[in-house]
C-alpha atoms as a PDB file:
ATOM      1  CA  MET A   1      -4.787  11.168  -1.749  1.00  0.00           C
ATOM      2  CA  SER A   2      -2.941  10.194  -4.866  1.00  0.00           C
ATOM      3  CA  TYR A   3      -2.853   6.415  -5.800  1.00  0.00           C
ATOM      4  CA  LYS A   4       0.632   6.387  -4.753  1.00  0.00           C
ATOM      5  CA  CYS A   5       2.939   4.139  -2.324  1.00  0.00           C
ATOM      6  CA  ALA A   6       3.734   6.410   0.870  1.00  0.00           C
ATOM      7  CA  VAL A   7       6.839   4.150   1.177  1.00  0.00           C
ATOM      8  CA  CYS A   8       8.705   3.820  -1.977  1.00  0.00           C
ATOM      9  CA  GLY A   9       6.431   6.300  -3.828  1.00  0.00           C
ATOM     10  CA  LYS A  10       5.592   3.642  -6.845  1.00  0.00           C
ATOM     11  CA  GLN A  11       2.744   5.049  -8.584  1.00  0.00           C
ATOM     12  CA  ALA A  12       0.526   4.815 -11.853  1.00  0.00           C
ATOM     13  CA  VAL A  13       2.084   3.967 -15.127  1.00  0.00           C
ATOM     14  CA  THR A  14       0.509   4.839 -18.468  1.00  0.00           C
ATOM     15  CA  GLY A  15       1.207   3.612 -21.867  1.00  0.00           C
ATOM     16  CA  ASN A  16       0.143   1.617 -25.179  1.00  0.00           C
ATOM     17  CA  LYS A  17      -1.532  -1.661 -25.322  1.00  0.00           C
ATOM     18  CA  VAL A  18      -0.868  -2.290 -28.994  1.00  0.00           C
ATOM     19  CA  SER A  19      -3.131  -5.189 -30.635  1.00  0.00           C
ATOM     20  CA  HIS A  20      -1.980  -7.892 -32.972  1.00  0.00           C
ATOM     21  CA  SER A  21      -3.185  -5.559 -35.844  1.00  0.00           C
ATOM     22  CA  LYS A  22      -1.067  -2.963 -34.000  1.00  0.00           C
ATOM     23  CA  ARG A  23      -3.089  -0.862 -33.041  1.00  0.00           C
ATOM     24  CA  HIS A  24      -2.466   1.774 -30.031  1.00  0.00           C
ATOM     25  CA  THR A  25      -4.952   2.294 -27.305  1.00  0.00           C
ATOM     26  CA  ARG A  26      -3.863   4.086 -24.099  1.00  0.00           C
ATOM     27  CA  THR A  27      -3.757   2.406 -20.998  1.00  0.00           C
ATOM     28  CA  ARG A  28      -2.902   2.587 -16.965  1.00  0.00           C
ATOM     29  CA  TRP A  29      -0.834  -0.071 -15.145  1.00  0.00           C
ATOM     30  CA  LEU A  30      -1.395   0.557 -11.375  1.00  0.00           C
ATOM     31  CA  PRO A  31       0.712  -0.839  -8.126  1.00  0.00           C
ATOM     32  CA  ASN A  32      -0.984  -3.051  -6.057  1.00  0.00           C
ATOM     33  CA  LEU A  33      -1.705  -0.516  -2.754  1.00  0.00           C
ATOM     34  CA  GLN A  34      -3.389  -1.954   0.223  1.00  0.00           C
ATOM     35  CA  SER A  35      -4.692   0.452   3.032  1.00  0.00           C
ATOM     36  CA  ILE A  36      -3.056  -0.647   6.082  1.00  0.00           C
ATOM     37  CA  LYS A  37      -1.938   1.211   9.422  1.00  0.00           C
ATOM     38  CA  ILE A  38       2.037   1.562   9.744  1.00  0.00           C
ATOM     39  CA  VAL A  39       4.002   3.245  12.519  1.00  0.00           C
ATOM     40  CA  LEU A  40       5.564   6.457  10.767  1.00  0.00           C
ATOM     41  CA  ASN A  41       7.453   8.771  12.754  1.00  0.00           C
ATOM     42  CA  GLY A  42       6.348   7.114  16.207  1.00  0.00           C
ATOM     43  CA  ARG A  43       2.562   7.919  15.512  1.00  0.00           C
ATOM     44  CA  THR A  44       0.355   4.959  13.992  1.00  0.00           C
ATOM     45  CA  LYS A  45      -1.377   6.309  10.526  1.00  0.00           C
ATOM     46  CA  LYS A  46      -3.196   4.907   8.049  1.00  0.00           C
ATOM     47  CA  ALA A  47      -1.469   4.879   4.952  1.00  0.00           C
ATOM     48  CA  LYS A  48      -1.508   2.973   1.115  1.00  0.00           C
ATOM     49  CA  VAL A  49       1.407   1.002   0.886  1.00  0.00           C
ATOM     50  CA  CYS A  50       2.242  -1.029  -2.078  1.00  0.00           C
ATOM     51  CA  THR A  51       2.544  -5.154  -1.362  1.00  0.00           C
ATOM     52  CA  SER A  52       6.275  -5.264  -2.430  1.00  0.00           C
ATOM     53  CA  CYS A  53       7.056  -2.778   0.514  1.00  0.00           C
ATOM     54  CA  ILE A  54       4.751  -4.723   2.573  1.00  0.00           C
ATOM     55  CA  ARG A  55       6.547  -7.948   1.970  1.00  0.00           C
ATOM     56  CA  SER A  56       9.999  -6.757   2.250  1.00  0.00           C
ATOM     57  CA  GLY A  57       9.153  -5.535   5.484  1.00  0.00           C
ATOM     58  CA  LYS A  58      10.190  -1.752   5.265  1.00  0.00           C
ATOM     59  CA  ILE A  59       7.689  -0.720   7.043  1.00  0.00           C
ATOM     60  CA  THR A  60       6.557  -1.926  10.745  1.00  0.00           C
ATOM     61  CA  LYS A  61       2.710  -2.661  11.644  1.00  0.00           C
ATOM     62  CA  PRO A  62       1.651  -1.275  15.171  1.00  0.00           C
ATOM     63  CA  ALA A  63       1.829  -3.666  18.168  1.00  0.00           C
ATOM     64  CA  PRO A  64      -1.645  -5.458  18.526  1.00  0.00           C
ATOM     65  CA  ARG A  65      -3.844  -3.680  21.388  1.00  0.00           C
ATOM     66  CA  THR A  66      -4.830  -5.843  24.255  1.00  0.00           C
ATOM     67  CA  ALA A  67      -8.199  -6.378  25.991  1.00  0.00           C
ATOM     68  CA  PRO A  68      -8.179  -4.800  29.653  1.00  0.00           C
ATOM     69  CA  GLN A  69      -8.134  -8.108  31.850  1.00  0.00           C
ATOM     70  CA  LYS A  70     -11.320  -8.775  34.374  1.00  0.00           C
ATOM     71  CA  ALA A  71     -11.004  -9.038  37.621  1.00  0.00           C
ATOM     72  CA  ALA A  72     -11.420 -12.563  39.058  1.00  0.00           C
ATOM     73  CA  ALA A  73     -14.228 -12.666  41.383  1.00  0.00           C
END
């Protein structure tokens, strides 16, 4: 699985870091991806999603599972 958001497609960007003396060093800037469970096409799936998609509500989290109730004796 690539380093890419499953919702918006945000991925790593490459470029140069430029120091004060103008030396160029290649670098990568990575998105803030979190591995969470999301509902996709009616099924619960674990996916890497960026934090901006989580905050903006572009994803739906699955409903929490409840424990079975014990019978009263």
